[in-house]
Amino acid sequence: MFRSTLTAVIMLGAATVAAAQATGHRVQVNGMRMYYEVSGSGEPLIVLHGAYMNIPTMGAIIPELAKTHRVYALELQGHGRTTDIDRPITYPNLADDVATFMDVVGLKKADVFGYSMGAATGLQFAIRHPEKINRLVAASAAYDAQGWQPEFKAMIPQMNVAMFPPMLEQEYRKLAVNPNGFRELARKLIALESEPMAWEAGVKSMKTAVLIIAGDADVSTLEHNVSLFRLLGGGAMGDMGKPLAASRLAILPATSHTAVITQVGLLHPIIEQFLRGETPKSFFGGN
């Protein structure tokens, strides 16, 4: 399962659509040389990729979002063209890197769209730096390791660098500043999978509106996604004359973890409606 998941990520990268008119830049962020790309115009939107991924492997969603937003797509610590540093990869560290990036490039506030590791980073960013975020789109996220599917939880203690298919390291070398750094990156990401997370209190205190997106066959359970939605104030019945919660939940049908980011035709309109703050009108004209 783990090998097939990683292979799916690689194949996703092979079928990507490059963002039109994207320009690449590098800046110093907390001791690393961070690579990012800017495309589009409009309100700023930061895009955060998943583990073992990079900007190209996020696929066609970036150019779609760039049609209506000024997209800042980041490559996180040790990923893509961003250098690694002598520091664990943790969600608080990654969230602080995003905050520092914003300071360096002069962004005071932005929307954030994160997928998988990037989504969990987005949650930590909203918890740790609420003054810097408008809205968060969290696709395939979790706020507690207990929310993983039983099969994935059972697999985590068995993870090791030898499990990785050779093609993953080959893909890594194509962009990496240090072509020999894959095994160290893998060790850090395996350690990241063992984090307990346990962010319930932090999530419950969040004021940021969050769009939770998950596949119905995702790595986090459906129950966990509903729990996250309820922690953010969602889950009450509509059509009762009261405004709906600011946060939203979308479950994509027949969609696994690695397939979530490929469902651009479903993702894009849901994300755009949320970022614009639009709520579908009910039969009675309200929410």
Protein backbone atom coordinates (compact mmCIF):
# COMPACT_ATOMS: atom_id res chain seq x y z
CA MET A 1 0.00 0.00 0.00
CA PHE A 2 2.74 2.44 0.95
CA ARG A 3 4.73 1.68 -2.21
CA SER A 4 1.63 2.00 -4.39
CA THR A 5 0.76 5.33 -2.78
CA LEU A 6 4.22 6.71 -3.54
CA THR A 7 4.06 5.36 -7.08
CA ALA A 8 0.75 7.16 -7.54
CA VAL A 9 2.38 10.41 -6.45
CA ILE A 10 5.14 9.90 -9.02
CA MET A 11 2.65 9.18 -11.80
CA LEU A 12 0.69 12.25 -10.82
CA GLY A 13 3.85 14.29 -11.29
CA ALA A 14 4.39 12.83 -14.75
CA ALA A 15 0.97 14.05 -15.86
CA THR A 16 1.09 17.57 -14.46
CA VAL A 17 0.17 20.77 -16.24
CA ALA A 18 2.62 23.59 -15.68
CA ALA A 19 1.18 26.84 -14.37
CA ALA A 20 1.02 29.39 -17.18
CA GLN A 21 3.26 32.41 -16.70
CA ALA A 22 4.58 31.11 -13.37
CA THR A 23 7.83 32.73 -12.29
CA GLY A 24 10.26 31.01 -9.94
CA HIS A 25 12.08 32.71 -7.05
CA ARG A 26 14.27 31.78 -4.09
CA VAL A 27 14.37 33.45 -0.67
CA GLN A 28 16.07 32.77 2.65
CA VAL A 29 13.60 31.32 5.17
CA ASN A 30 14.72 30.12 8.61
CA GLY A 31 18.11 28.96 7.37
CA MET A 32 16.95 27.31 4.15
CA ARG A 33 16.82 28.54 0.57
CA MET A 34 13.11 28.28 -0.23
CA TYR A 35 11.89 27.98 -3.81
CA TYR A 36 8.47 29.31 -4.77
CA GLU A 37 6.53 30.24 -7.88
CA VAL A 38 4.12 33.11 -8.45
CA SER A 39 1.33 33.07 -11.01
CA GLY A 40 -1.94 34.83 -11.69
CA SER A 41 -3.42 38.00 -10.26
CA GLY A 42 -5.95 38.81 -7.58
CA GLU A 43 -6.05 38.19 -3.85
CA PRO A 44 -3.02 36.25 -2.53
CA LEU A 45 -3.36 32.48 -2.14
CA ILE A 46 -0.55 30.33 -0.73
CA VAL A 47 -0.45 26.72 -1.99
CA LEU A 48 1.24 24.00 0.10
CA HIS A 49 2.01 20.56 -1.36
CA GLY A 50 2.01 17.13 0.28
CA ALA A 51 4.89 14.99 1.53
CA TYR A 52 7.38 13.79 -1.14
CA MET A 53 5.77 16.26 -3.56
CA ASN A 54 6.66 19.61 -5.12
CA ILE A 55 5.00 22.32 -7.20
CA PRO A 56 4.75 20.27 -10.44
CA THR A 57 3.14 17.31 -8.66
CA MET A 58 0.28 19.51 -7.45
CA GLY A 59 -0.93 19.28 -11.03
CA ALA A 60 -3.60 21.33 -12.78
CA ILE A 61 -5.16 22.86 -9.67
CA ILE A 62 -2.49 25.59 -9.48
CA PRO A 63 -3.11 27.07 -12.96
CA GLU A 64 -6.86 26.88 -12.31
CA LEU A 65 -6.52 28.83 -9.08
CA ALA A 66 -4.18 31.30 -10.78
CA LYS A 67 -7.03 32.40 -13.07
CA THR A 68 -8.58 34.31 -10.16
CA HIS A 69 -5.83 34.57 -7.52
CA ARG A 70 -2.24 35.67 -7.11
CA VAL A 71 -0.88 32.20 -6.32
CA TYR A 72 2.26 31.70 -4.27
CA ALA A 73 3.15 28.01 -4.59
CA LEU A 74 5.82 27.01 -2.05
CA GLU A 75 8.21 24.06 -1.93
CA LEU A 76 8.63 23.14 1.73
CA GLN A 77 11.75 22.07 3.63
CA GLY A 78 13.80 19.53 1.66
CA HIS A 79 11.21 19.22 -1.10
CA GLY A 80 11.61 20.12 -4.75
CA ARG A 81 14.14 22.92 -5.17
CA THR A 82 14.10 24.04 -1.53
CA THR A 83 17.17 23.11 0.49
CA ASP A 84 17.03 20.90 3.56
CA ILE A 85 18.48 22.03 6.89
CA ASP A 86 19.61 20.32 10.08
CA ARG A 87 16.15 20.36 11.67
CA PRO A 88 13.28 17.90 11.98
CA ILE A 89 10.33 18.32 9.67
CA THR A 90 7.40 19.00 11.98
CA TYR A 91 4.09 20.70 11.35
CA PRO A 92 4.86 23.61 13.70
CA ASN A 93 8.21 24.10 11.93
CA LEU A 94 6.58 24.06 8.50
CA ALA A 95 3.87 26.48 9.65
CA ASP A 96 6.48 28.87 11.00
CA ASP A 97 8.34 28.63 7.69
CA VAL A 98 5.19 29.80 5.89
CA ALA A 99 4.87 32.72 8.30
CA THR A 100 8.50 33.71 7.78
CA PHE A 101 8.08 33.40 4.01
CA MET A 102 5.19 35.86 4.15
CA ASP A 103 7.30 38.33 6.12
CA VAL A 104 10.18 38.03 3.66
CA VAL A 105 8.05 38.63 0.54
CA GLY A 106 5.86 41.28 2.19
CA LEU A 107 2.56 39.41 2.42
CA LYS A 108 0.58 40.57 5.45
CA LYS A 109 -2.33 38.19 5.03
CA ALA A 110 -3.40 35.47 2.57
CA ASP A 111 -5.72 32.58 1.94
CA VAL A 112 -4.06 29.15 2.15
CA PHE A 113 -4.73 25.94 0.23
CA GLY A 114 -2.90 22.85 1.47
CA TYR A 115 -3.02 19.22 0.44
CA SER A 116 -2.13 16.32 2.78
CA MET A 117 1.04 17.39 4.64
CA GLY A 118 0.35 20.87 3.32
CA ALA A 119 -3.18 20.78 4.75
CA ALA A 120 -1.94 19.81 8.21
CA THR A 121 0.65 22.57 7.90
CA GLY A 122 -2.21 24.92 7.08
CA LEU A 123 -4.05 23.92 10.25
CA GLN A 124 -0.94 24.59 12.33
CA PHE A 125 -0.44 27.88 10.50
CA ALA A 126 -3.99 28.97 11.38
CA ILE A 127 -3.43 27.94 15.02
CA ARG A 128 -0.01 29.57 15.38
CA HIS A 129 -0.36 32.60 13.09
CA PRO A 130 -4.07 33.50 12.92
CA GLU A 131 -3.30 37.12 12.08
CA LYS A 132 -1.73 36.05 8.77
CA ILE A 133 -4.55 33.94 7.32
CA ASN A 134 -7.94 34.77 5.85
CA ARG A 135 -9.41 31.40 4.85
CA LEU A 136 -7.95 27.89 4.81
CA VAL A 137 -8.68 25.10 2.35
CA ALA A 138 -7.49 21.84 3.93
CA ALA A 139 -7.60 18.88 1.54
CA SER A 140 -6.91 15.43 3.02
CA ALA A 141 -5.98 16.71 6.46
CA ALA A 142 -5.98 15.36 10.00
CA TYR A 143 -5.69 17.09 13.36
CA ASP A 144 -4.92 13.94 15.37
CA ALA A 145 -3.04 10.76 14.44
CA GLN A 146 -5.94 8.77 15.88
CA GLY A 147 -7.93 9.90 12.86
CA TRP A 148 -5.89 7.86 10.37
CA GLN A 149 -7.44 4.78 8.82
CA PRO A 150 -6.54 1.60 10.78
CA GLU A 151 -4.52 0.25 7.85
CA PHE A 152 -2.36 3.37 7.73
CA LYS A 153 -1.83 3.44 11.50
CA ALA A 154 -0.67 -0.17 11.39
CA MET A 155 1.75 0.65 8.58
CA ILE A 156 3.50 3.61 10.26
CA PRO A 157 5.74 1.60 12.66
CA GLN A 158 6.93 -0.52 9.74
CA MET A 159 8.00 2.39 7.54
CA ASN A 160 11.66 2.58 6.56
CA VAL A 161 13.72 4.07 3.75
CA ALA A 162 14.11 0.68 2.05
CA MET A 163 10.36 0.62 1.34
CA PHE A 164 10.61 3.44 -1.20
CA PRO A 165 10.49 2.52 -4.89
CA PRO A 166 13.69 3.58 -6.73
CA MET A 167 11.75 5.83 -9.09
CA LEU A 168 10.80 8.11 -6.19
CA GLU A 169 14.45 8.91 -5.50
CA GLN A 170 15.01 9.35 -9.24
CA GLU A 171 12.21 11.91 -9.40
CA TYR A 172 13.58 13.66 -6.32
CA ARG A 173 17.00 14.05 -7.98
CA LYS A 174 15.53 15.90 -10.96
CA LEU A 175 14.81 19.01 -8.87
CA ALA A 176 16.78 18.67 -5.64
CA VAL A 177 19.60 21.07 -4.81
CA ASN A 178 21.31 18.14 -3.08
CA PRO A 179 20.68 15.09 -5.30
CA ASN A 180 21.92 12.79 -2.52
CA GLY A 181 19.51 14.11 0.11
CA PHE A 182 16.54 11.83 -0.49
CA ARG A 183 17.22 9.30 2.24
CA GLU A 184 17.60 12.00 4.88
CA LEU A 185 14.36 13.61 3.71
CA ALA A 186 12.61 10.23 3.85
CA ARG A 187 13.84 9.63 7.40
CA LYS A 188 12.46 13.01 8.47
CA LEU A 189 9.10 12.36 6.82
CA ILE A 190 8.82 8.91 8.37
CA ALA A 191 9.37 10.58 11.76
CA LEU A 192 6.68 13.12 10.85
CA GLU A 193 4.17 10.29 10.32
CA SER A 194 4.76 9.25 13.94
CA GLU A 195 3.76 12.64 15.36
CA PRO A 196 0.68 12.28 17.62
CA MET A 197 -0.56 15.71 16.46
CA ALA A 198 -3.41 15.92 19.03
CA TRP A 199 -4.43 19.46 18.08
CA GLU A 200 -8.05 19.36 19.26
CA ALA A 201 -7.70 22.31 21.65
CA GLY A 202 -5.90 24.39 19.04
CA VAL A 203 -8.46 23.61 16.34
CA LYS A 204 -11.35 24.38 18.66
CA SER A 205 -9.88 27.81 19.41
CA MET A 206 -9.45 28.69 15.72
CA LYS A 207 -11.38 31.64 14.31
CA THR A 208 -10.31 30.94 10.72
CA ALA A 209 -12.96 29.62 8.33
CA VAL A 210 -11.84 26.23 6.95
CA LEU A 211 -13.02 24.27 3.94
CA ILE A 212 -12.32 20.62 4.74
CA ILE A 213 -12.02 18.43 1.65
CA ALA A 214 -11.57 14.66 1.82
CA GLY A 215 -12.04 11.65 -0.39
CA ASP A 216 -14.55 9.05 0.75
CA ALA A 217 -11.64 6.56 0.68
CA ASP A 218 -9.02 8.94 2.10
CA VAL A 219 -6.23 8.19 4.57
CA SER A 220 -8.19 9.93 7.34
CA THR A 221 -11.53 8.40 8.31
CA LEU A 222 -14.84 9.98 7.44
CA GLU A 223 -15.60 10.18 11.15
CA HIS A 224 -12.41 12.15 11.73
CA ASN A 225 -13.32 14.67 9.05
CA VAL A 226 -16.78 15.11 10.54
CA SER A 227 -15.18 15.56 13.97
CA LEU A 228 -12.89 18.25 12.56
CA PHE A 229 -15.90 19.98 11.01
CA ARG A 230 -17.78 19.93 14.31
CA LEU A 231 -14.76 21.33 16.20
CA LEU A 232 -14.86 24.25 13.77
CA GLY A 233 -18.54 24.91 14.50
CA GLY A 234 -20.10 22.95 11.65
CA GLY A 235 -22.69 20.20 11.57
CA ALA A 236 -25.87 22.04 12.59
CA MET A 237 -29.02 21.83 10.50
CA GLY A 238 -29.62 24.59 7.97
CA ASP A 239 -32.97 26.09 6.88
CA MET A 240 -33.62 27.19 10.45
CA GLY A 241 -33.27 30.93 9.96
CA LYS A 242 -29.71 31.05 11.27
CA PRO A 243 -26.49 31.54 9.30
CA LEU A 244 -24.50 28.43 8.50
CA ALA A 245 -21.09 27.91 10.07
CA ALA A 246 -18.23 29.70 8.34
CA SER A 247 -16.38 26.40 7.88
CA ARG A 248 -17.46 23.77 5.36
CA LEU A 249 -17.05 20.06 4.65
CA ALA A 250 -16.84 18.44 1.21
CA ILE A 251 -16.47 14.69 0.65
CA LEU A 252 -15.43 13.65 -2.86
CA PRO A 253 -17.02 10.38 -4.06
CA ALA A 254 -14.97 7.35 -5.12
CA THR A 255 -11.78 9.22 -4.26
CA SER A 256 -8.66 7.93 -2.51
CA HIS A 257 -5.99 10.04 -0.83
CA THR A 258 -3.77 10.42 -3.89
CA ALA A 259 -6.77 10.98 -6.17
CA VAL A 260 -8.06 14.01 -4.23
CA ILE A 261 -5.65 16.44 -5.87
CA THR A 262 -6.49 15.11 -9.36
CA GLN A 263 -10.21 15.92 -9.06
CA VAL A 264 -9.75 19.47 -10.36
CA GLY A 265 -13.22 19.64 -11.89
CA LEU A 266 -14.73 19.01 -8.45
CA LEU A 267 -12.15 20.85 -6.35
CA HIS A 268 -11.94 24.14 -8.18
CA PRO A 269 -15.59 25.33 -8.01
CA ILE A 270 -15.89 24.27 -4.36
CA ILE A 271 -12.70 26.13 -3.45
CA GLU A 272 -13.62 29.26 -5.41
CA GLN A 273 -17.09 29.48 -3.87
CA PHE A 274 -15.58 29.17 -0.39
CA LEU A 275 -12.82 31.72 -0.96
CA ARG A 276 -15.37 34.21 -2.29
CA GLY A 277 -17.48 33.67 0.82
CA GLU A 278 -20.51 32.60 -1.22
CA THR A 279 -23.16 30.34 0.33
CA PRO A 280 -25.66 28.42 -1.81
CA LYS A 281 -29.19 29.73 -1.39
CA SER A 282 -31.80 27.36 -0.05
CA PHE A 283 -35.31 26.73 -1.37
CA PHE A 284 -36.53 29.38 1.07
CA GLY A 285 -34.00 31.95 -0.10
CA GLY A 286 -31.78 31.73 2.98
CA ASN A 287 -28.90 29.45 4.03
